[in-house]
Amino acid sequence: MWLKKKKINILEKSIENLSNILQQGNYIEWAYLIGSKKEIIKRNLLAGISRGVGIGIGVTIITALLVILLQKIVTLNIPVIGEYIADIVEIVERSR
């Protein structure tokens, strides 16, 4: 009984060591890449769509904040800068 537990402990430690070695060497990723081509295509397609949507949302938010900031600057009536920013805001609003 004691010998069996000792063997199980040795086996568990060996499995943990093997798992650590595989994770450190990225062998799991390599095995995945060698595997199914459909999975690779599906994974990359999903990643590309996610990146595209994220970039689109991010650019929209930043542009909206920039337009709001420019409108606030125009209301301060700074002589030289205000005219240029008013022109920029007007162009942006016309293009909507």
C-alpha atoms as a PDB file:
ATOM      1  CA  MET A   1       0.000   0.000   0.000  1.00  0.00           C
ATOM      2  CA  TRP A   2       2.765   2.426   0.968  1.00  0.00           C
ATOM      3  CA  LEU A   3       4.745   1.510  -2.154  1.00  0.00           C
ATOM      4  CA  LYS A   4       1.698   2.165  -4.326  1.00  0.00           C
ATOM      5  CA  LYS A   5       1.241   5.673  -2.872  1.00  0.00           C
ATOM      6  CA  LYS A   6       4.925   6.392  -3.400  1.00  0.00           C
ATOM      7  CA  LYS A   7       4.680   5.349  -7.048  1.00  0.00           C
ATOM      8  CA  ILE A   8       1.582   7.535  -7.512  1.00  0.00           C
ATOM      9  CA  ASN A   9       3.419  10.524  -6.003  1.00  0.00           C
ATOM     10  CA  ILE A  10       6.391   9.954  -8.304  1.00  0.00           C
ATOM     11  CA  LEU A  11       4.038   9.656 -11.286  1.00  0.00           C
ATOM     12  CA  GLU A  12       2.216  12.897 -10.327  1.00  0.00           C
ATOM     13  CA  LYS A  13       5.521  14.766 -10.018  1.00  0.00           C
ATOM     14  CA  SER A  14       6.633  13.437 -13.395  1.00  0.00           C
ATOM     15  CA  ILE A  15       3.382  14.575 -15.014  1.00  0.00           C
ATOM     16  CA  GLU A  16       3.744  18.040 -13.454  1.00  0.00           C
ATOM     17  CA  ASN A  17       7.331  18.301 -14.704  1.00  0.00           C
ATOM     18  CA  LEU A  18       6.286  17.234 -18.200  1.00  0.00           C
ATOM     19  CA  SER A  19       3.455  19.773 -18.173  1.00  0.00           C
ATOM     20  CA  ASN A  20       5.839  22.556 -17.121  1.00  0.00           C
ATOM     21  CA  ILE A  21       8.327  21.614 -19.828  1.00  0.00           C
ATOM     22  CA  LEU A  22       5.595  21.618 -22.475  1.00  0.00           C
ATOM     23  CA  GLN A  23       4.313  25.001 -21.342  1.00  0.00           C
ATOM     24  CA  GLN A  24       7.772  26.564 -21.263  1.00  0.00           C
ATOM     25  CA  GLY A  25       8.649  25.343 -24.736  1.00  0.00           C
ATOM     26  CA  ASN A  26       5.273  26.289 -26.247  1.00  0.00           C
ATOM     27  CA  TYR A  27       4.999  22.749 -27.547  1.00  0.00           C
ATOM     28  CA  ILE A  28       1.262  22.799 -26.959  1.00  0.00           C
ATOM     29  CA  GLU A  29       0.912  25.736 -29.368  1.00  0.00           C
ATOM     30  CA  TRP A  30       3.065  23.945 -31.941  1.00  0.00           C
ATOM     31  CA  ALA A  31       0.916  20.838 -31.643  1.00  0.00           C
ATOM     32  CA  TYR A  32      -2.159  22.993 -32.165  1.00  0.00           C
ATOM     33  CA  LEU A  33      -0.664  24.568 -35.294  1.00  0.00           C
ATOM     34  CA  ILE A  34       0.240  21.201 -36.744  1.00  0.00           C
ATOM     35  CA  GLY A  35      -3.296  19.995 -36.083  1.00  0.00           C
ATOM     36  CA  SER A  36      -6.511  20.932 -37.843  1.00  0.00           C
ATOM     37  CA  LYS A  37      -6.251  23.619 -40.520  1.00  0.00           C
ATOM     38  CA  LYS A  38      -9.953  24.418 -40.146  1.00  0.00           C
ATOM     39  CA  GLU A  39      -9.392  25.291 -36.490  1.00  0.00           C
ATOM     40  CA  ILE A  40      -6.508  27.580 -37.398  1.00  0.00           C
ATOM     41  CA  ILE A  41      -8.572  29.378 -40.033  1.00  0.00           C
ATOM     42  CA  LYS A  42     -11.541  29.710 -37.682  1.00  0.00           C
ATOM     43  CA  ARG A  43      -9.347  31.031 -34.867  1.00  0.00           C
ATOM     44  CA  ASN A  44      -7.576  33.585 -37.073  1.00  0.00           C
ATOM     45  CA  LEU A  45     -10.822  34.724 -38.705  1.00  0.00           C
ATOM     46  CA  LEU A  46     -12.427  35.312 -35.328  1.00  0.00           C
ATOM     47  CA  ALA A  47      -9.336  37.161 -34.091  1.00  0.00           C
ATOM     48  CA  GLY A  48      -9.295  39.378 -37.195  1.00  0.00           C
ATOM     49  CA  ILE A  49     -12.972  40.247 -36.896  1.00  0.00           C
ATOM     50  CA  SER A  50     -12.543  41.054 -33.204  1.00  0.00           C
ATOM     51  CA  ARG A  51      -9.576  43.312 -33.893  1.00  0.00           C
ATOM     52  CA  GLY A  52     -11.426  45.106 -36.688  1.00  0.00           C
ATOM     53  CA  VAL A  53     -14.504  45.753 -34.569  1.00  0.00           C
ATOM     54  CA  GLY A  54     -12.349  46.901 -31.648  1.00  0.00           C
ATOM     55  CA  ILE A  55     -10.389  49.316 -33.814  1.00  0.00           C
ATOM     56  CA  GLY A  56     -13.604  50.694 -35.317  1.00  0.00           C
ATOM     57  CA  ILE A  57     -15.197  51.303 -31.930  1.00  0.00           C
ATOM     58  CA  GLY A  58     -11.996  52.807 -30.523  1.00  0.00           C
ATOM     59  CA  VAL A  59     -11.521  55.234 -33.414  1.00  0.00           C
ATOM     60  CA  THR A  60     -15.170  56.291 -33.203  1.00  0.00           C
ATOM     61  CA  ILE A  61     -14.941  57.037 -29.488  1.00  0.00           C
ATOM     62  CA  ILE A  62     -11.652  58.931 -29.784  1.00  0.00           C
ATOM     63  CA  THR A  63     -12.932  60.980 -32.729  1.00  0.00           C
ATOM     64  CA  ALA A  64     -16.141  61.859 -30.868  1.00  0.00           C
ATOM     65  CA  LEU A  65     -14.171  62.954 -27.809  1.00  0.00           C
ATOM     66  CA  LEU A  66     -11.845  65.020 -29.990  1.00  0.00           C
ATOM     67  CA  VAL A  67     -14.775  66.785 -31.694  1.00  0.00           C
ATOM     68  CA  ILE A  68     -16.372  67.522 -28.305  1.00  0.00           C
ATOM     69  CA  LEU A  69     -13.058  68.902 -27.025  1.00  0.00           C
ATOM     70  CA  LEU A  70     -12.657  71.083 -30.115  1.00  0.00           C
ATOM     71  CA  GLN A  71     -16.190  72.422 -29.702  1.00  0.00           C
ATOM     72  CA  LYS A  72     -15.407  73.363 -26.093  1.00  0.00           C
ATOM     73  CA  ILE A  73     -12.262  75.185 -27.226  1.00  0.00           C
ATOM     74  CA  VAL A  74     -14.273  77.137 -29.799  1.00  0.00           C
ATOM     75  CA  THR A  75     -16.653  78.334 -27.090  1.00  0.00           C
ATOM     76  CA  LEU A  76     -13.688  79.853 -25.205  1.00  0.00           C
ATOM     77  CA  ASN A  77     -13.344  82.388 -28.062  1.00  0.00           C
ATOM     78  CA  ILE A  78      -9.577  82.202 -28.370  1.00  0.00           C
ATOM     79  CA  PRO A  79      -8.974  84.568 -31.327  1.00  0.00           C
ATOM     80  CA  VAL A  80      -6.635  82.690 -33.695  1.00  0.00           C
ATOM     81  CA  ILE A  81      -7.118  79.099 -32.628  1.00  0.00           C
ATOM     82  CA  GLY A  82     -10.877  79.403 -32.333  1.00  0.00           C
ATOM     83  CA  GLU A  83     -11.349  80.237 -36.016  1.00  0.00           C
ATOM     84  CA  TYR A  84      -9.306  77.264 -37.202  1.00  0.00           C
ATOM     85  CA  ILE A  85     -11.019  74.870 -34.835  1.00  0.00           C
ATOM     86  CA  ALA A  86     -14.434  76.239 -35.823  1.00  0.00           C
ATOM     87  CA  ASP A  87     -13.588  75.467 -39.452  1.00  0.00           C
ATOM     88  CA  ILE A  88     -12.466  71.939 -38.546  1.00  0.00           C
ATOM     89  CA  VAL A  89     -15.602  71.263 -36.494  1.00  0.00           C
ATOM     90  CA  GLU A  90     -17.762  72.614 -39.313  1.00  0.00           C
ATOM     91  CA  ILE A  91     -16.087  70.313 -41.851  1.00  0.00           C
ATOM     92  CA  VAL A  92     -16.537  67.306 -39.555  1.00  0.00           C
ATOM     93  CA  GLU A  93     -20.208  68.112 -38.951  1.00  0.00           C
ATOM     94  CA  ARG A  94     -20.856  68.557 -42.685  1.00  0.00           C
ATOM     95  CA  SER A  95     -19.309  65.158 -43.417  1.00  0.00           C
ATOM     96  CA  ARG A  96     -21.678  63.381 -40.994  1.00  0.00           C
END
